[in-house]
Amino acid sequence: MRARWIVGVAAAVLLAAAQTAALAAGAMSERQARAAAVQILKGDPYGKTDAQVLKNITTSQLVTAGSACGKKVTRPLWQLQVFVPKARNPSGDNDIKGYLVIDAGTGKLVCAGLPLLD
């Protein structure tokens, strides 16, 4: 049990260190990233107001290594998961699920796996 706890704490410390390094390198905060995402997503089917769009962003993650958008990550990116349930989808056809990846320094769209953002 104690070993699992130590591994979990170590992983959390490493993640915090990576995020701190990225923020020190000029990456925007999660709050700023969500605000940038709102500007990209605002409008049907993601929401007409900031609050509506924010309600449809379920998670966000600062990516500093690995891959995103099918390419190696060379600069910090924010990856945001978006979920618009059928009940809130203006067309009412189905749920919308996907991701939005933005540059963590500029807030500009890098890629998306969402309708109307290809």
C-alpha atoms as a PDB file:
ATOM      1  CA  MET A   1       0.000   0.000   0.000  1.00  0.00           C
ATOM      2  CA  ARG A   2       2.696   2.454   1.005  1.00  0.00           C
ATOM      3  CA  ALA A   3       4.639   1.750  -2.210  1.00  0.00           C
ATOM      4  CA  ARG A   4       1.570   2.604  -4.332  1.00  0.00           C
ATOM      5  CA  TRP A   5       1.076   5.807  -2.389  1.00  0.00           C
ATOM      6  CA  ILE A   6       4.724   6.778  -2.922  1.00  0.00           C
ATOM      7  CA  VAL A   7       4.471   6.049  -6.662  1.00  0.00           C
ATOM      8  CA  GLY A   8       1.273   8.119  -6.847  1.00  0.00           C
ATOM      9  CA  VAL A   9       2.876  11.031  -5.014  1.00  0.00           C
ATOM     10  CA  ALA A  10       5.962  10.825  -7.225  1.00  0.00           C
ATOM     11  CA  ALA A  11       3.803  10.891 -10.363  1.00  0.00           C
ATOM     12  CA  ALA A  12       1.898  13.918  -9.066  1.00  0.00           C
ATOM     13  CA  VAL A  13       5.153  15.719  -8.260  1.00  0.00           C
ATOM     14  CA  LEU A  14       6.537  14.997 -11.743  1.00  0.00           C
ATOM     15  CA  LEU A  15       3.327  16.236 -13.389  1.00  0.00           C
ATOM     16  CA  ALA A  16       3.375  19.404 -11.279  1.00  0.00           C
ATOM     17  CA  ALA A  17       7.032  19.981 -12.152  1.00  0.00           C
ATOM     18  CA  ALA A  18       6.337  19.583 -15.882  1.00  0.00           C
ATOM     19  CA  GLN A  19       3.396  21.977 -15.691  1.00  0.00           C
ATOM     20  CA  THR A  20       5.426  24.480 -13.665  1.00  0.00           C
ATOM     21  CA  ALA A  21       8.242  24.339 -16.218  1.00  0.00           C
ATOM     22  CA  ALA A  22       5.780  24.854 -19.061  1.00  0.00           C
ATOM     23  CA  LEU A  23       4.154  27.797 -17.285  1.00  0.00           C
ATOM     24  CA  ALA A  24       7.576  29.308 -16.647  1.00  0.00           C
ATOM     25  CA  ALA A  25       8.278  28.948 -20.373  1.00  0.00           C
ATOM     26  CA  GLY A  26       5.316  31.196 -21.163  1.00  0.00           C
ATOM     27  CA  ALA A  27       2.441  28.723 -21.287  1.00  0.00           C
ATOM     28  CA  MET A  28      -0.956  30.106 -20.382  1.00  0.00           C
ATOM     29  CA  SER A  29      -2.799  28.925 -17.296  1.00  0.00           C
ATOM     30  CA  GLU A  30      -5.683  26.478 -17.508  1.00  0.00           C
ATOM     31  CA  ARG A  31      -8.131  29.332 -16.984  1.00  0.00           C
ATOM     32  CA  GLN A  32      -6.569  31.277 -19.870  1.00  0.00           C
ATOM     33  CA  ALA A  33      -6.615  28.157 -22.043  1.00  0.00           C
ATOM     34  CA  ARG A  34     -10.317  27.626 -21.377  1.00  0.00           C
ATOM     35  CA  ALA A  35     -10.998  31.284 -22.241  1.00  0.00           C
ATOM     36  CA  ALA A  36      -9.095  30.869 -25.523  1.00  0.00           C
ATOM     37  CA  ALA A  37     -11.059  27.679 -26.250  1.00  0.00           C
ATOM     38  CA  VAL A  38     -14.323  29.511 -25.645  1.00  0.00           C
ATOM     39  CA  GLN A  39     -13.402  32.040 -28.340  1.00  0.00           C
ATOM     40  CA  ILE A  40     -12.710  29.208 -30.788  1.00  0.00           C
ATOM     41  CA  LEU A  41     -15.825  27.190 -29.944  1.00  0.00           C
ATOM     42  CA  LYS A  42     -18.422  29.907 -29.382  1.00  0.00           C
ATOM     43  CA  GLY A  43     -21.480  29.404 -31.581  1.00  0.00           C
ATOM     44  CA  ASP A  44     -23.671  26.444 -32.487  1.00  0.00           C
ATOM     45  CA  PRO A  45     -23.363  23.646 -31.561  1.00  0.00           C
ATOM     46  CA  TYR A  46     -20.940  24.410 -28.694  1.00  0.00           C
ATOM     47  CA  GLY A  47     -22.815  27.276 -27.051  1.00  0.00           C
ATOM     48  CA  LYS A  48     -23.802  30.865 -27.737  1.00  0.00           C
ATOM     49  CA  THR A  49     -22.446  32.287 -24.470  1.00  0.00           C
ATOM     50  CA  ASP A  50     -19.157  31.843 -22.635  1.00  0.00           C
ATOM     51  CA  ALA A  51     -20.960  29.991 -19.837  1.00  0.00           C
ATOM     52  CA  GLN A  52     -22.626  27.576 -22.267  1.00  0.00           C
ATOM     53  CA  VAL A  53     -19.333  26.775 -23.977  1.00  0.00           C
ATOM     54  CA  LEU A  54     -17.512  26.326 -20.656  1.00  0.00           C
ATOM     55  CA  LYS A  55     -20.204  23.877 -19.569  1.00  0.00           C
ATOM     56  CA  ASN A  56     -19.306  21.730 -22.594  1.00  0.00           C
ATOM     57  CA  ILE A  57     -15.548  21.636 -21.857  1.00  0.00           C
ATOM     58  CA  THR A  58     -15.213  18.630 -19.592  1.00  0.00           C
ATOM     59  CA  THR A  59     -11.458  18.335 -18.990  1.00  0.00           C
ATOM     60  CA  SER A  60      -8.235  20.055 -19.892  1.00  0.00           C
ATOM     61  CA  GLN A  61      -4.657  18.878 -19.807  1.00  0.00           C
ATOM     62  CA  LEU A  62      -1.358  20.637 -20.380  1.00  0.00           C
ATOM     63  CA  VAL A  63       0.684  18.488 -22.758  1.00  0.00           C
ATOM     64  CA  THR A  64       4.440  19.046 -22.661  1.00  0.00           C
ATOM     65  CA  ALA A  65       5.738  15.761 -24.100  1.00  0.00           C
ATOM     66  CA  GLY A  66       4.612  12.851 -26.215  1.00  0.00           C
ATOM     67  CA  SER A  67       2.367  13.437 -29.190  1.00  0.00           C
ATOM     68  CA  ALA A  68      -0.734  15.400 -30.088  1.00  0.00           C
ATOM     69  CA  CYS A  69      -2.507  15.832 -33.400  1.00  0.00           C
ATOM     70  CA  GLY A  70      -0.414  12.963 -34.774  1.00  0.00           C
ATOM     71  CA  LYS A  71       2.848  14.859 -34.274  1.00  0.00           C
ATOM     72  CA  LYS A  72       5.560  15.021 -31.633  1.00  0.00           C
ATOM     73  CA  VAL A  73       4.933  17.751 -29.055  1.00  0.00           C
ATOM     74  CA  THR A  74       7.683  20.367 -29.417  1.00  0.00           C
ATOM     75  CA  ARG A  75       6.053  23.146 -27.399  1.00  0.00           C
ATOM     76  CA  PRO A  76       3.406  23.135 -24.626  1.00  0.00           C
ATOM     77  CA  LEU A  77      -0.175  22.537 -25.765  1.00  0.00           C
ATOM     78  CA  TRP A  78      -3.503  22.500 -23.995  1.00  0.00           C
ATOM     79  CA  GLN A  79      -5.781  19.604 -24.908  1.00  0.00           C
ATOM     80  CA  LEU A  80      -9.412  20.134 -23.945  1.00  0.00           C
ATOM     81  CA  GLN A  81     -12.116  17.493 -24.063  1.00  0.00           C
ATOM     82  CA  VAL A  82     -15.486  18.720 -25.283  1.00  0.00           C
ATOM     83  CA  PHE A  83     -18.813  16.986 -24.721  1.00  0.00           C
ATOM     84  CA  VAL A  84     -22.143  18.399 -25.876  1.00  0.00           C
ATOM     85  CA  PRO A  85     -24.952  16.056 -24.838  1.00  0.00           C
ATOM     86  CA  LYS A  86     -27.748  15.396 -27.297  1.00  0.00           C
ATOM     87  CA  ALA A  87     -30.111  17.427 -25.093  1.00  0.00           C
ATOM     88  CA  ARG A  88     -27.924  20.556 -25.507  1.00  0.00           C
ATOM     89  CA  ASN A  89     -27.084  19.955 -29.165  1.00  0.00           C
ATOM     90  CA  PRO A  90     -29.186  22.391 -31.229  1.00  0.00           C
ATOM     91  CA  SER A  91     -29.667  19.803 -33.984  1.00  0.00           C
ATOM     92  CA  GLY A  92     -30.652  17.254 -31.330  1.00  0.00           C
ATOM     93  CA  ASP A  93     -29.296  14.439 -33.467  1.00  0.00           C
ATOM     94  CA  ASN A  94     -26.618  13.037 -31.166  1.00  0.00           C
ATOM     95  CA  ASP A  95     -23.966  13.741 -28.564  1.00  0.00           C
ATOM     96  CA  ILE A  96     -20.866  15.568 -29.732  1.00  0.00           C
ATOM     97  CA  LYS A  97     -17.604  14.283 -28.242  1.00  0.00           C
ATOM     98  CA  GLY A  98     -14.098  15.271 -29.190  1.00  0.00           C
ATOM     99  CA  TYR A  99     -11.048  17.306 -28.411  1.00  0.00           C
ATOM    100  CA  LEU A 100      -9.588  20.710 -29.089  1.00  0.00           C
ATOM    101  CA  VAL A 101      -5.839  21.302 -28.981  1.00  0.00           C
ATOM    102  CA  ILE A 102      -4.495  24.828 -28.673  1.00  0.00           C
ATOM    103  CA  ASP A 103      -1.006  26.277 -28.498  1.00  0.00           C
ATOM    104  CA  ALA A 104      -0.297  26.987 -24.818  1.00  0.00           C
ATOM    105  CA  GLY A 105       1.663  30.116 -25.679  1.00  0.00           C
ATOM    106  CA  THR A 106      -0.715  31.778 -28.133  1.00  0.00           C
ATOM    107  CA  GLY A 107      -4.108  30.140 -27.576  1.00  0.00           C
ATOM    108  CA  LYS A 108      -4.410  29.452 -31.308  1.00  0.00           C
ATOM    109  CA  LEU A 109      -6.039  26.289 -32.644  1.00  0.00           C
ATOM    110  CA  VAL A 110      -3.565  23.517 -33.415  1.00  0.00           C
ATOM    111  CA  CYS A 111      -6.061  20.772 -34.289  1.00  0.00           C
ATOM    112  CA  ALA A 112      -9.470  19.489 -33.321  1.00  0.00           C
ATOM    113  CA  GLY A 113     -11.478  16.327 -33.452  1.00  0.00           C
ATOM    114  CA  LEU A 114     -14.834  18.081 -33.449  1.00  0.00           C
ATOM    115  CA  PRO A 115     -17.487  18.833 -36.059  1.00  0.00           C
ATOM    116  CA  LEU A 116     -17.255  22.247 -37.732  1.00  0.00           C
ATOM    117  CA  LEU A 117     -13.628  22.728 -36.646  1.00  0.00           C
ATOM    118  CA  ASP A 118     -11.814  20.599 -39.234  1.00  0.00           C
END
